[in-house]
Protein backbone atom coordinates (compact mmCIF):
# COMPACT_ATOMS: atom_id res chain seq x y z
CA MET A 1 87.67 93.12 69.71
CA THR A 2 87.61 94.36 73.29
CA LEU A 3 89.57 92.73 76.09
CA TYR A 4 88.27 93.48 79.57
CA PHE A 5 88.75 92.98 83.29
CA THR A 6 85.78 93.29 85.64
CA GLY A 7 85.00 92.86 89.31
CA THR A 8 81.41 94.00 89.68
CA GLY A 9 80.36 94.31 86.06
CA ASN A 10 81.03 97.95 85.19
CA SER A 11 83.87 97.32 82.77
CA LEU A 12 82.10 94.27 81.35
CA TYR A 13 79.05 96.38 80.60
CA ALA A 14 81.23 99.04 78.97
CA ALA A 15 83.00 96.40 76.87
CA LYS A 16 79.66 95.00 75.70
CA MET A 17 78.45 98.43 74.70
CA LEU A 18 81.63 99.29 72.80
CA ASP A 19 82.14 96.09 70.79
CA SER A 20 80.21 92.98 69.80
CA GLU A 21 83.29 90.84 70.49
CA TYR A 22 84.53 91.07 74.08
CA VAL A 23 86.95 88.72 75.83
CA SER A 24 87.78 88.36 79.53
CA ILE A 25 91.45 88.95 80.34
CA PRO A 26 91.48 86.65 83.43
CA GLN A 27 90.15 83.77 81.33
CA ILE A 28 92.90 83.98 78.71
CA LEU A 29 95.85 85.35 80.67
CA ASN A 30 97.63 82.00 81.01
CA ARG A 31 97.15 80.80 77.45
CA ASN A 32 100.25 80.13 75.39
CA ASN A 33 98.99 82.15 72.46
CA LEU A 34 98.05 85.75 73.25
CA GLU A 35 98.26 87.12 69.74
CA PHE A 36 95.30 89.17 68.54
CA LYS A 37 94.43 90.63 65.15
CA ALA A 38 91.55 93.01 64.45
CA ASP A 39 90.86 96.36 62.82
CA LYS A 40 90.34 97.82 66.30
CA ILE A 41 91.46 96.34 69.60
CA GLY A 42 90.40 97.77 72.93
CA VAL A 43 91.25 97.27 76.60
CA VAL A 44 88.55 98.13 79.14
CA CYS A 45 89.25 97.89 82.85
CA PRO A 46 88.74 99.64 86.18
CA ILE A 47 91.44 101.62 87.91
CA TYR A 48 92.55 100.86 91.46
CA GLY A 49 94.63 103.59 93.05
CA HIS A 50 94.33 105.31 89.65
CA GLU A 51 96.15 102.45 87.91
CA MET A 52 95.22 99.41 85.86
CA PRO A 53 94.88 96.16 87.84
CA SER A 54 98.14 94.21 87.99
CA MET A 55 96.53 91.39 86.02
CA VAL A 56 95.83 93.77 83.13
CA LYS A 57 99.40 95.03 83.19
CA GLU A 58 100.64 91.45 83.08
CA PHE A 59 98.38 90.79 80.12
CA LEU A 60 99.72 93.81 78.25
CA HIS A 61 103.25 92.47 78.62
CA LYS A 62 102.28 89.06 77.29
CA ALA A 63 99.90 90.04 74.50
CA ILE A 64 100.76 90.80 70.88
CA PHE A 65 98.36 93.12 69.06
CA HIS A 66 98.05 93.36 65.30
CA THR A 67 95.80 96.35 64.77
CA GLU A 68 95.61 99.76 63.18
CA TYR A 69 93.85 101.19 66.23
CA LEU A 70 94.36 100.41 69.94
CA TYR A 71 92.10 102.06 72.50
CA VAL A 72 91.87 102.00 76.29
CA VAL A 73 88.85 102.86 78.44
CA LEU A 74 89.39 103.16 82.19
CA THR A 75 86.32 102.93 84.43
CA TYR A 76 86.29 104.68 87.79
CA GLY A 77 83.82 105.85 90.41
CA ASN A 78 85.14 108.91 92.19
CA ARG A 79 88.44 110.38 91.01
CA HIS A 80 90.50 109.29 88.02
CA ALA A 81 93.48 111.53 88.84
CA ASN A 82 96.18 111.04 86.16
CA ALA A 83 95.02 107.51 85.27
CA VAL A 84 95.42 108.25 81.57
CA GLU A 85 99.12 109.02 81.98
CA LEU A 86 99.61 106.00 84.23
CA ALA A 87 97.94 103.77 81.63
CA GLU A 88 100.13 105.27 78.93
CA LYS A 89 103.18 104.40 81.03
CA ALA A 90 101.93 100.85 81.64
CA LEU A 91 101.48 100.40 77.90
CA GLY A 92 104.92 101.85 77.24
CA ASP A 93 106.48 99.48 79.76
CA ALA A 94 104.85 96.66 77.78
CA GLY A 95 106.21 98.01 74.49
CA LYS A 96 102.85 99.31 73.31
CA ARG A 97 101.18 102.61 72.59
CA ALA A 98 97.46 103.30 72.44
CA ASP A 99 95.83 105.59 69.92
CA TYR A 100 93.04 106.59 72.27
CA ILE A 101 92.79 106.59 76.09
CA THR A 102 89.89 107.93 78.11
CA THR A 103 88.03 107.41 81.39
CA LEU A 104 84.42 106.46 82.10
CA LEU A 105 82.67 107.55 85.31
CA MET A 106 80.51 104.78 86.80
CA VAL A 107 79.41 103.51 90.22
CA ASP A 108 82.24 103.28 92.74
CA ASN A 109 82.41 99.87 94.42
CA PHE A 110 84.95 100.81 97.10
CA LEU A 111 82.94 99.81 100.16
CA PRO A 112 85.03 101.51 102.87
CA ALA A 113 84.35 104.91 101.32
CA PHE A 114 80.97 104.63 99.64
CA ASN A 115 77.45 103.47 100.53
CA MET A 116 76.28 101.30 97.64
CA GLU A 117 72.64 102.23 98.16
CA GLU A 118 73.53 105.89 97.71
CA GLN A 119 75.92 105.23 94.81
CA THR A 120 73.32 103.38 92.75
CA LYS A 121 70.92 106.30 93.05
CA LEU A 122 73.36 108.74 91.46
CA ASP A 123 72.93 109.61 87.81
CA LYS A 124 76.44 109.64 86.40
CA GLY A 125 75.38 109.87 82.77
CA VAL A 126 76.94 106.52 81.90
CA GLU A 127 74.95 105.96 78.71
CA GLN A 128 75.77 109.42 77.40
CA GLN A 129 79.46 108.91 78.16
CA LEU A 130 79.45 105.52 76.45
CA SER A 131 77.75 106.96 73.40
CA GLY A 132 80.45 109.60 73.06
CA ILE A 133 83.28 107.13 73.60
CA LYS A 134 81.82 104.69 71.08
CA ALA A 135 81.52 107.48 68.52
CA ASP A 136 85.19 108.35 69.08
CA ILE A 137 86.26 104.73 68.68
CA ASP A 138 84.11 104.16 65.60
CA ALA A 139 85.71 107.24 64.05
CA GLN A 140 89.13 106.00 65.20
CA LYS A 141 89.78 109.24 67.00
CA ARG A 142 93.39 109.55 68.09
CA GLU A 143 93.39 111.40 71.36
CA TYR A 144 94.23 111.05 75.05
CA GLN A 145 91.95 112.56 77.66
CA LYS A 146 93.53 115.70 79.06
CA VAL A 147 95.41 115.38 82.34
CA THR A 148 95.70 118.45 84.58
CA CYS A 149 98.18 119.44 87.26
CA GLU A 150 95.37 118.92 89.77
CA ASP A 151 94.97 115.35 88.50
CA ARG A 152 98.67 114.67 89.00
CA MET A 153 98.61 116.18 92.50
CA ALA A 154 95.66 113.94 93.40
CA HIS A 155 97.73 110.87 92.59
CA LYS A 156 100.76 112.19 94.46
CA GLY A 157 98.54 112.74 97.48
CA TYR A 158 97.25 109.20 97.22
CA LEU A 159 100.80 107.82 97.04
CA ALA A 160 101.79 109.82 100.11
CA ARG A 161 98.88 108.31 102.04
CA VAL A 162 99.63 104.70 101.12
CA GLN A 163 103.44 104.63 101.04
CA GLN A 164 103.64 103.40 104.65
CA GLN A 165 100.91 100.80 104.15
CA PRO A 166 101.39 97.13 103.17
CA GLU A 167 100.73 96.20 99.56
CA THR A 168 97.65 94.28 100.68
CA VAL A 169 96.03 97.28 102.37
CA TRP A 170 93.20 97.53 99.84
CA ALA A 171 92.34 93.83 100.05
CA ASP A 172 91.89 93.53 103.80
CA PHE A 173 88.66 91.66 104.54
CA ASP A 174 87.38 88.73 106.57
CA PHE A 175 85.28 85.68 105.71
CA THR A 176 82.86 85.53 108.64
CA GLU A 177 80.75 82.82 110.29
CA ASP A 178 77.82 83.87 108.10
CA CYS A 179 79.40 81.96 105.19
CA ILE A 180 76.98 79.25 103.95
CA GLY A 181 79.50 77.50 101.70
CA CYS A 182 77.76 78.37 98.42
CA GLY A 183 81.10 78.80 96.63
CA ILE A 184 80.07 81.89 94.66
CA CYS A 185 83.10 83.81 95.91
CA THR A 186 85.43 81.15 94.49
CA LYS A 187 83.81 81.51 91.07
CA VAL A 188 83.88 85.31 90.78
CA CYS A 189 87.52 85.70 91.88
CA PRO A 190 89.65 86.47 88.79
CA ALA A 191 92.83 85.48 90.62
CA GLY A 192 91.54 82.14 91.89
CA CYS A 193 92.70 82.95 95.40
CA ILE A 194 89.61 81.58 97.18
CA HIS A 195 88.78 77.91 97.59
CA MET A 196 86.44 75.73 99.63
CA GLU A 197 87.48 73.70 102.67
CA ASN A 198 84.89 71.78 104.70
CA GLN A 199 82.11 73.66 102.94
CA ARG A 200 83.52 77.05 103.88
CA ALA A 201 85.32 79.64 101.83
CA VAL A 202 89.04 80.04 102.50
CA ARG A 203 91.06 82.86 101.00
CA THR A 204 94.78 82.66 100.33
CA GLY A 205 94.97 86.24 99.09
CA GLU A 206 97.67 85.27 96.61
CA ASN A 207 97.59 87.61 93.60
CA CYS A 208 94.39 89.26 94.90
CA GLN A 209 93.45 92.12 92.58
CA ALA A 210 91.40 94.01 95.22
CA CYS A 211 88.49 94.04 92.78
CA TYR A 212 85.99 93.16 95.57
CA ALA A 213 84.11 90.77 93.27
CA CYS A 214 83.90 88.24 96.11
CA VAL A 215 82.73 90.79 98.67
CA HIS A 216 79.98 92.14 96.45
CA ALA A 217 78.78 88.78 95.12
CA CYS A 218 78.38 87.02 98.48
CA PRO A 219 74.62 86.42 98.92
CA LYS A 220 74.90 86.62 102.72
CA ALA A 221 77.28 89.60 102.88
CA ALA A 222 79.53 87.23 104.82
CA ILE A 223 82.72 88.91 103.61
CA LYS A 224 83.35 92.02 105.67
CA MET A 225 85.78 94.82 104.93
CA LYS A 226 88.19 95.68 107.72
CA SER A 227 89.11 99.24 108.56
CA ILE A 228 91.32 100.49 105.74
CA MET A 229 93.40 103.55 106.51
CA GLY A 230 90.67 104.72 108.87
CA PHE A 231 87.85 103.95 106.43
CA GLN A 232 85.01 101.78 107.74
CA GLU A 233 82.27 100.24 105.62
CA LYS A 234 79.55 102.84 105.09
CA ASN A 235 76.83 100.21 104.78
CA PRO A 236 77.87 96.61 105.56
CA LYS A 237 74.58 95.24 104.20
CA ALA A 238 74.70 96.98 100.81
CA ARG A 239 76.51 95.34 97.92
CA TYR A 240 76.76 96.11 94.21
CA ARG A 241 76.69 94.60 90.75
CA ASN A 242 76.14 96.60 87.57
CA GLU A 243 72.40 96.61 86.92
CA HIS A 244 72.89 95.42 83.33
CA ILE A 245 75.05 92.43 84.28
CA VAL A 246 73.89 89.16 85.86
CA LEU A 247 75.94 87.06 88.25
CA SER A 248 76.49 84.30 85.69
CA GLU A 249 78.32 86.80 83.48
CA ILE A 250 80.72 87.73 86.29
CA ILE A 251 81.33 84.02 86.91
CA ALA A 252 81.93 83.38 83.20
CA ALA A 253 84.40 86.27 83.11
CA ASN A 254 86.38 85.39 86.23
CA ASN A 255 85.92 81.75 87.24
CA GLN A 256 89.29 80.06 87.79
CA THR A 257 88.08 77.05 89.80
CA GLU A 258 88.65 74.64 86.93
CA ASN A 259 92.31 75.67 86.92
CA GLN A 260 92.89 75.09 90.62
């Protein structure tokens, strides 16, 4: 069993490749019973600022795992820094310890820093990485990916850059007049912080995970990123979804509209 969080499909694709049984964390987070039993249990999610999304951390606190082998795979697009150690700490704070933690390099969906057209042309060896990770998990390898001093310094540098910024700095975007009221953004938001008013999308921002699912899924590119710490969108017309994942899968993973 693999439990996953996804914004643009990368972690969902990884979860599908690693296990035949994969469950969306946003869709089960508020259930009364979060007790899971399996020979192997995995958590697959992206890292934002080198850390697990807050929703995943919340899930780890609530969940009870009955397993002989717990693994964590962290997807990222540019620099993982000391994400493995940060994930280990998040697990420890939740009273848990993984047997295996590693990272998986995929397309980076951070629009203010990367042009999606260029990103999708890069060969990051995803299939080869997944093959190796799956072999490790199947063999129940007990190992954490090595973290270097350079990795730790990268995270310290990141913290120094953001310490004077508001908590919402990474989720600063506008819903523009190009909105056609299709409602897709409301269905791909794992936090349910977008709703429709008078056939237009309205965002509360409450509990936003900064996953950019809404930004990337908008068919009219009507959600525009603001300048974030000096970063401007590299290509406002280019958006991304993992090539192996269809929109209906993102909706099925994240849709909270029935709970609003």
